[in-house]
Amino acid sequence: MFGGLCAPLEAQDSETDIDALIAETMSLNGAITYLEGDAPGLILGVVSGDTFTVQGFGETERGNGIEPDGDTVFRVGSITKVFAGEMLAHGVARSEVAFTDPVAPLLPGRLGEAASKHPSIRLIDLATHAGGLPREVPRDAAPMADPFQTITHDAFAGWLEENTLNFRPGTSIAYSNFGFDLLSAALSTAGGAAYPDLLASRITGPLGMTDTAFVPTDSMERRIMSGHAPNGEPLPTVPTGTVITGSGGLYSTANDLLRWMRWHLDDGAPDAEARFLDHGVYVQRSDMETVWSMDESGRMDGMGLGWVAMKATADHPFFFQKSGALQGQMSYIAFAPGHEVGVFATINQFDFEAARDMTEAANEILFSLSGF
């Protein structure tokens, strides 16, 4: 849909020219994506070298007349998983855990006892969706005002006690929210603190990501972008709870996510060992017996720590990407570490066709800024 809209941005006279071209490219791709979709609002963000650019389109809630910007707060959904992957990298860099450690000894109480029935599940299996676990654990219905309250460690333990794994860990890949919530619980034990506190001390705090949290502050709540159902009705802002911290509970802003991507792209930034570990590709698709539910934003070539790895082709560079959707918000993030370029996009309605267009537009910008 966007072929030909973005030519490679190279051989410019000055950094200012590059910045202007980035803004122009974002404006064009963003406007087309917004106008062709039904979502009330769209945010696009780009980091290229030291340049951060954010553009908002539409409204933070249908009919409110407030245009989103870089400080607009939204749920990132499953992009939370790549934060959990980085937290694993920090744990390994600090010698708190090893990638090949079994998860069971790191899980508390009944959950750890239940996981001990499956001793072959390792931390690296959870971080690469290779643990043999289902996408979700069956649970009781919950009220619309608190839809995640029945996602509990007891429900996780019940599944582990009563079921066999879907496949031998490390032999196949199947997308699993369950697995990433086990991962965050294990990392909490290894780090000796509540997982949100560890995340704040190791990632969001050092990078000044003051608008990234599991529970929005009063300031964040005043800037929240409302998600919308497929029929266009706004969805309520609901509690995240304490369990889905690995799979999907974070709130953030485009500005914070660009700060985070800048860390990924800056070889001179602190915590170099964690970054190096976080940029590894630990599972190759060609080595797996089967791959399920991993190709939503492009055909997965390999798995990093939550990141979907896309090998270089004649049309694009090697890059990592991840999508997320929760409570009427759909997002996409990607970066090309060899080109110091990253992109982010989000819409505030469950609209899968619009989300595909958004992803395509973001990728066009990423590829163009990488010289493709």
Protein backbone atom coordinates (compact mmCIF):
# COMPACT_ATOMS: atom_id res chain seq x y z
CA MET A 1 0.00 0.00 0.00
CA PHE A 2 2.85 2.38 0.80
CA GLY A 3 5.31 1.28 -1.87
CA GLY A 4 7.00 4.27 -3.43
CA LEU A 5 6.00 6.72 -0.71
CA CYS A 6 9.36 6.44 1.01
CA ALA A 7 12.64 6.65 -0.86
CA PRO A 8 15.88 5.97 1.03
CA LEU A 9 16.88 9.05 3.01
CA GLU A 10 20.57 9.43 2.28
CA ALA A 11 23.19 11.84 0.94
CA GLN A 12 21.55 14.89 2.56
CA ASP A 13 23.42 18.16 3.09
CA SER A 14 22.82 18.46 6.83
CA GLU A 15 21.25 16.89 9.88
CA THR A 16 18.50 19.50 9.65
CA ASP A 17 17.57 18.27 6.18
CA ILE A 18 17.39 14.71 7.47
CA ASP A 19 15.13 15.81 10.32
CA ALA A 20 12.81 17.60 7.91
CA LEU A 21 12.62 14.57 5.65
CA ILE A 22 11.86 12.30 8.59
CA ALA A 23 9.02 14.60 9.65
CA GLU A 24 7.69 14.81 6.09
CA THR A 25 7.78 11.03 5.66
CA MET A 26 6.02 10.48 8.97
CA SER A 27 3.39 13.08 8.14
CA LEU A 28 2.60 11.49 4.78
CA ASN A 29 2.53 7.88 5.94
CA GLY A 30 0.72 8.77 9.13
CA ALA A 31 -1.97 10.82 7.41
CA ILE A 32 -2.69 8.08 4.88
CA THR A 33 -2.82 5.39 7.57
CA TYR A 34 -5.09 7.47 9.78
CA LEU A 35 -7.48 8.52 7.00
CA GLU A 36 -7.81 5.01 5.57
CA GLY A 37 -8.57 3.47 8.97
CA ASP A 38 -11.43 3.82 11.43
CA ALA A 39 -9.42 4.31 14.62
CA PRO A 40 -10.02 7.63 16.42
CA GLY A 41 -6.30 8.27 16.87
CA LEU A 42 -2.81 7.31 15.70
CA ILE A 43 0.66 8.08 17.07
CA LEU A 44 3.87 7.58 15.08
CA GLY A 45 7.33 7.88 16.61
CA VAL A 46 10.81 7.62 15.09
CA VAL A 47 14.29 7.61 16.59
CA SER A 48 17.16 8.05 14.14
CA GLY A 49 20.55 8.62 15.70
CA ASP A 50 19.97 11.32 18.31
CA THR A 51 16.77 12.59 16.63
CA PHE A 52 13.37 11.86 18.21
CA THR A 53 10.23 12.70 16.25
CA VAL A 54 6.60 12.06 17.27
CA GLN A 55 3.46 12.91 15.32
CA GLY A 56 -0.13 12.44 16.42
CA PHE A 57 -3.28 12.19 14.31
CA GLY A 58 -6.95 12.26 15.25
CA GLU A 59 -8.15 12.14 18.85
CA THR A 60 -7.26 10.45 22.13
CA GLU A 61 -10.93 9.49 22.45
CA ARG A 62 -13.55 9.61 19.75
CA GLY A 63 -15.15 13.05 19.73
CA ASN A 64 -13.02 14.72 22.42
CA GLY A 65 -11.02 16.89 19.99
CA ILE A 66 -7.69 16.23 21.78
CA GLU A 67 -4.89 15.29 19.38
CA PRO A 68 -2.43 12.70 20.75
CA ASP A 69 1.24 13.59 21.12
CA GLY A 70 4.48 12.22 22.51
CA ASP A 71 3.27 12.45 26.12
CA THR A 72 -0.08 10.73 25.52
CA VAL A 73 -0.33 7.62 27.72
CA PHE A 74 -1.55 4.25 26.41
CA ARG A 75 -1.35 0.54 27.11
CA VAL A 76 1.44 -1.15 25.18
CA GLY A 77 -0.07 -4.64 25.48
CA SER A 78 2.33 -7.41 24.51
CA ILE A 79 5.20 -4.99 23.94
CA THR A 80 5.48 -5.57 27.70
CA LYS A 81 7.05 -8.92 26.76
CA VAL A 82 10.19 -7.36 25.31
CA PHE A 83 10.67 -5.46 28.55
CA ALA A 84 10.50 -8.84 30.31
CA GLY A 85 13.05 -10.16 27.82
CA GLU A 86 15.38 -7.29 28.65
CA MET A 87 14.84 -7.94 32.35
CA LEU A 88 16.05 -11.49 31.76
CA ALA A 89 19.13 -10.07 30.02
CA HIS A 90 19.80 -7.84 33.04
CA GLY A 91 19.41 -10.83 35.35
CA VAL A 92 21.92 -12.85 33.34
CA ALA A 93 24.34 -9.90 33.14
CA ARG A 94 24.18 -9.62 36.94
CA SER A 95 24.71 -13.41 37.37
CA GLU A 96 21.36 -13.71 39.16
CA VAL A 97 20.18 -16.31 36.66
CA ALA A 98 21.34 -18.18 33.58
CA PHE A 99 19.32 -18.57 30.40
CA THR A 100 19.25 -22.33 30.87
CA ASP A 101 18.08 -22.28 34.49
CA PRO A 102 14.87 -24.25 35.06
CA VAL A 103 12.00 -21.98 35.99
CA ALA A 104 10.42 -24.12 38.74
CA PRO A 105 12.90 -23.34 41.57
CA LEU A 106 12.39 -19.61 40.97
CA LEU A 107 8.59 -19.66 41.32
CA PRO A 108 6.92 -19.13 44.71
CA GLY A 109 4.87 -21.58 46.74
CA ARG A 110 2.28 -23.71 45.02
CA LEU A 111 3.25 -22.28 41.64
CA GLY A 112 6.82 -23.52 42.03
CA GLU A 113 5.67 -26.93 43.20
CA ALA A 114 3.35 -27.23 40.21
CA ALA A 115 6.07 -26.13 37.79
CA SER A 116 8.41 -28.77 39.21
CA LYS A 117 6.25 -31.33 37.40
CA HIS A 118 7.70 -29.84 34.20
CA PRO A 119 11.43 -29.57 34.99
CA SER A 120 12.47 -29.14 31.36
CA ILE A 121 11.02 -25.60 31.10
CA ARG A 122 13.93 -23.14 31.19
CA LEU A 123 13.95 -19.36 31.39
CA ILE A 124 15.12 -19.08 27.78
CA ASP A 125 12.17 -21.24 26.69
CA LEU A 126 9.74 -18.83 28.32
CA ALA A 127 11.42 -15.79 26.73
CA THR A 128 11.25 -17.33 23.24
CA HIS A 129 7.71 -18.80 23.42
CA ALA A 130 9.29 -22.27 23.33
CA GLY A 131 8.10 -23.59 26.70
CA GLY A 132 5.29 -25.83 25.45
CA LEU A 133 2.69 -23.72 27.26
CA PRO A 134 -0.72 -22.57 26.00
CA ARG A 135 -1.39 -18.97 25.01
CA GLU A 136 -3.70 -18.46 28.00
CA VAL A 137 -4.75 -20.46 31.04
CA PRO A 138 -8.50 -21.15 31.30
CA ARG A 139 -10.00 -18.96 34.03
CA ASP A 140 -13.25 -17.83 35.56
CA ALA A 141 -15.16 -14.95 34.00
CA ALA A 142 -14.34 -11.51 35.38
CA PRO A 143 -16.33 -8.26 35.50
CA MET A 144 -15.77 -5.73 32.70
CA ALA A 145 -14.53 -3.23 35.27
CA ASP A 146 -11.71 -5.58 36.33
CA PRO A 147 -11.27 -8.12 33.52
CA PHE A 148 -7.84 -9.40 34.56
CA GLN A 149 -8.66 -10.19 38.20
CA THR A 150 -9.10 -13.93 37.54
CA ILE A 151 -5.64 -14.27 35.99
CA THR A 152 -3.93 -15.62 39.10
CA HIS A 153 -0.93 -17.67 40.13
CA ASP A 154 -3.35 -20.25 41.53
CA ALA A 155 -4.91 -20.61 38.08
CA PHE A 156 -1.42 -21.02 36.61
CA ALA A 157 -0.57 -23.65 39.22
CA GLY A 158 -3.79 -25.52 38.53
CA TRP A 159 -2.94 -25.80 34.84
CA LEU A 160 0.60 -26.98 35.53
CA GLU A 161 -0.66 -29.57 38.01
CA GLU A 162 -3.29 -31.02 35.72
CA ASN A 163 -1.85 -30.83 32.20
CA THR A 164 1.02 -32.02 30.06
CA LEU A 165 3.00 -29.59 27.94
CA ASN A 166 1.93 -29.03 24.35
CA PHE A 167 5.42 -29.94 23.14
CA ARG A 168 8.87 -30.60 24.54
CA PRO A 169 10.42 -27.24 25.49
CA GLY A 170 12.85 -25.89 22.94
CA THR A 171 11.51 -27.93 20.01
CA SER A 172 8.66 -25.70 18.77
CA ILE A 173 7.32 -22.18 19.26
CA ALA A 174 3.78 -21.22 20.26
CA TYR A 175 2.86 -17.73 21.45
CA SER A 176 2.25 -17.77 25.20
CA ASN A 177 1.14 -14.98 27.52
CA PHE A 178 1.18 -17.59 30.29
CA GLY A 179 4.89 -18.21 29.73
CA PHE A 180 5.87 -14.56 30.03
CA ASP A 181 3.94 -14.13 33.25
CA LEU A 182 5.84 -17.11 34.67
CA LEU A 183 9.04 -15.41 33.49
CA SER A 184 8.33 -12.15 35.34
CA ALA A 185 7.44 -14.09 38.50
CA ALA A 186 10.72 -16.00 38.29
CA LEU A 187 12.76 -12.84 37.70
CA SER A 188 11.13 -11.24 40.73
CA THR A 189 12.38 -14.10 42.90
CA ALA A 190 15.85 -13.98 41.37
CA GLY A 191 16.09 -10.21 41.81
CA GLY A 192 14.79 -10.22 45.37
CA ALA A 193 12.10 -7.59 44.80
CA ALA A 194 8.66 -7.09 43.30
CA TYR A 195 8.87 -7.21 39.52
CA PRO A 196 7.55 -3.64 38.95
CA ASP A 197 10.23 -2.34 41.34
CA LEU A 198 12.95 -4.27 39.52
CA LEU A 199 11.76 -2.92 36.17
CA ALA A 200 11.84 0.61 37.54
CA SER A 201 15.34 0.22 38.99
CA ARG A 202 16.90 -1.46 35.94
CA ILE A 203 15.15 0.00 32.89
CA THR A 204 12.64 2.80 33.29
CA GLY A 205 14.36 4.68 36.13
CA PRO A 206 17.86 4.89 34.62
CA LEU A 207 16.41 5.97 31.26
CA GLY A 208 14.11 8.63 32.71
CA MET A 209 10.98 6.82 31.51
CA THR A 210 8.74 8.48 34.09
CA ASP A 211 5.53 7.67 32.18
CA THR A 212 6.11 3.91 31.93
CA ALA A 213 4.48 1.86 34.69
CA PHE A 214 1.99 -0.88 35.49
CA VAL A 215 -0.18 1.51 37.52
CA PRO A 216 -0.62 4.99 36.01
CA THR A 217 0.11 7.98 38.21
CA ASP A 218 -2.42 10.79 38.55
CA SER A 219 -0.48 12.74 35.91
CA MET A 220 -0.52 9.76 33.55
CA GLU A 221 -4.25 9.20 34.04
CA ARG A 222 -4.99 12.73 32.85
CA ARG A 223 -3.21 11.94 29.56
CA ILE A 224 -4.54 8.44 28.83
CA MET A 225 -5.58 7.58 25.28
CA SER A 226 -8.86 5.66 25.46
CA GLY A 227 -8.97 2.33 23.67
CA HIS A 228 -12.05 1.52 21.59
CA ALA A 229 -13.91 -1.69 20.78
CA PRO A 230 -14.30 -2.83 17.15
CA ASN A 231 -17.68 -1.06 17.05
CA GLY A 232 -16.03 2.23 18.00
CA GLU A 233 -17.28 2.39 21.58
CA PRO A 234 -14.68 3.58 24.12
CA LEU A 235 -13.42 0.97 26.58
CA PRO A 236 -12.82 1.75 30.25
CA THR A 237 -9.40 2.11 31.82
CA VAL A 238 -9.21 -0.99 34.03
CA PRO A 239 -6.75 -2.27 36.65
CA THR A 240 -3.79 -4.30 35.42
CA GLY A 241 -3.44 -6.41 38.54
CA THR A 242 -0.22 -7.99 39.80
CA VAL A 243 0.08 -11.06 37.56
CA ILE A 244 0.24 -9.96 33.90
CA THR A 245 3.48 -8.07 34.48
CA GLY A 246 5.45 -10.15 31.98
CA SER A 247 2.87 -10.47 29.24
CA GLY A 248 0.98 -7.23 28.80
CA GLY A 249 0.42 -4.85 31.71
CA LEU A 250 2.55 -1.79 30.98
CA TYR A 251 1.45 1.75 30.17
CA SER A 252 3.85 4.08 28.37
CA THR A 253 4.16 7.02 25.97
CA ALA A 254 5.78 7.45 22.58
CA ASN A 255 8.44 9.69 24.11
CA ASP A 256 9.35 7.08 26.72
CA LEU A 257 9.47 4.29 24.14
CA LEU A 258 11.77 6.36 21.93
CA ARG A 259 14.08 6.92 24.91
CA TRP A 260 14.11 3.17 25.43
CA MET A 261 14.84 2.44 21.77
CA ARG A 262 17.64 5.00 21.84
CA TRP A 263 19.28 2.89 24.57
CA HIS A 264 18.95 -0.15 22.30
CA LEU A 265 20.61 1.72 19.44
CA ASP A 266 23.45 3.40 21.36
CA ASP A 267 26.44 1.10 21.82
CA GLY A 268 27.92 3.60 24.26
CA ALA A 269 24.93 3.67 26.62
CA PRO A 270 25.16 2.02 30.07
CA ASP A 271 24.41 -1.67 30.67
CA ALA A 272 26.20 -2.75 27.50
CA GLU A 273 26.29 -6.42 28.51
CA ALA A 274 22.54 -6.56 29.06
CA ARG A 275 21.99 -4.87 25.69
CA PHE A 276 24.33 -7.33 23.96
CA LEU A 277 22.45 -10.27 25.49
CA ASP A 278 19.09 -8.71 24.66
CA HIS A 279 20.05 -8.43 20.98
CA GLY A 280 20.81 -12.12 20.57
CA VAL A 281 18.73 -14.43 18.39
CA TYR A 282 18.38 -17.58 20.46
CA VAL A 283 16.01 -19.68 18.37
CA GLN A 284 16.01 -20.08 14.59
CA ARG A 285 12.72 -20.85 12.91
CA SER A 286 14.43 -23.43 10.70
CA ASP A 287 15.40 -25.43 13.81
CA MET A 288 11.84 -25.67 15.13
CA GLU A 289 9.45 -28.53 14.44
CA THR A 290 6.44 -26.18 14.33
CA VAL A 291 5.76 -22.46 14.79
CA TRP A 292 2.33 -21.16 15.83
CA SER A 293 0.95 -17.61 16.00
CA MET A 294 4.21 -15.72 15.49
CA ASP A 295 3.75 -14.12 12.06
CA GLU A 296 1.21 -11.38 12.78
CA SER A 297 3.59 -8.53 11.86
CA GLY A 298 5.76 -10.41 9.38
CA ARG A 299 7.10 -13.94 9.06
CA MET A 300 9.33 -14.67 12.04
CA ASP A 301 12.85 -15.82 11.15
CA GLY A 302 14.07 -16.23 14.72
CA MET A 303 13.32 -15.35 18.32
CA GLY A 304 15.23 -13.06 20.61
CA LEU A 305 14.20 -12.34 24.20
CA GLY A 306 10.59 -11.58 23.35
CA TRP A 307 11.67 -9.85 20.14
CA VAL A 308 10.70 -11.31 16.76
CA ALA A 309 13.85 -11.31 14.62
CA MET A 310 13.56 -10.54 10.90
CA LYS A 311 16.59 -11.45 8.80
CA ALA A 312 17.99 -8.98 6.28
CA THR A 313 16.75 -9.19 2.69
CA ALA A 314 17.19 -7.12 -0.46
CA ASP A 315 14.21 -5.04 0.72
CA HIS A 316 15.00 -4.40 4.37
CA PRO A 317 17.73 -4.63 7.03
CA PHE A 318 17.90 -7.07 9.89
CA PHE A 319 15.48 -5.81 12.52
CA PHE A 320 13.64 -6.75 15.69
CA GLN A 321 9.90 -6.15 16.03
CA LYS A 322 7.03 -6.70 18.44
CA SER A 323 3.33 -5.92 18.35
CA GLY A 324 0.84 -5.59 21.17
CA ALA A 325 -2.89 -5.19 21.73
CA LEU A 326 -4.90 -4.73 24.90
CA GLN A 327 -8.12 -3.00 25.95
CA GLY A 328 -8.74 -1.37 22.57
CA GLN A 329 -5.15 -0.28 21.88
CA MET A 330 -2.98 -1.82 19.12
CA SER A 331 0.74 -1.03 18.89
CA TYR A 332 3.91 -1.93 17.00
CA ILE A 333 7.59 -1.29 17.71
CA ALA A 334 10.68 -2.14 15.64
CA PHE A 335 14.33 -1.19 15.42
CA ALA A 336 17.28 -1.93 13.15
CA PRO A 337 20.33 -2.11 15.45
CA GLY A 338 22.80 -1.90 12.58
CA HIS A 339 21.31 1.38 11.33
CA GLU A 340 20.47 3.22 14.58
CA VAL A 341 16.82 3.55 13.56
CA GLY A 342 13.65 2.64 15.44
CA VAL A 343 9.92 3.19 14.90
CA PHE A 344 6.80 3.01 17.02
CA ALA A 345 3.11 3.24 16.11
CA THR A 346 -0.18 2.85 17.95
CA ILE A 347 -3.90 3.17 17.23
CA ASN A 348 -6.67 3.31 19.81
CA GLN A 349 -9.21 0.86 18.42
CA PHE A 350 -9.35 -2.89 17.89
CA ASP A 351 -9.16 -2.78 14.08
CA PHE A 352 -6.93 -5.48 12.65
CA GLU A 353 -6.92 -4.16 9.10
CA ALA A 354 -5.91 -0.71 10.34
CA ALA A 355 -3.24 -2.31 12.54
CA ARG A 356 -1.77 -4.10 9.51
CA ASP A 357 -1.68 -0.80 7.61
CA MET A 358 -0.08 0.89 10.61
CA THR A 359 2.61 -1.80 10.78
CA GLU A 360 3.28 -1.51 7.06
CA ALA A 361 3.59 2.27 7.32
CA ALA A 362 5.98 2.00 10.28
CA ASN A 363 8.10 -0.57 8.47
CA GLU A 364 8.29 1.60 5.36
CA ILE A 365 9.74 4.38 7.50
CA LEU A 366 12.18 2.00 9.20
CA PHE A 367 13.38 0.56 5.90
CA SER A 368 13.67 3.97 4.26
CA LEU A 369 15.73 5.42 7.10
CA SER A 370 17.95 2.34 6.92
CA GLY A 371 18.72 3.05 3.26
CA PHE A 372 16.41 0.48 1.64
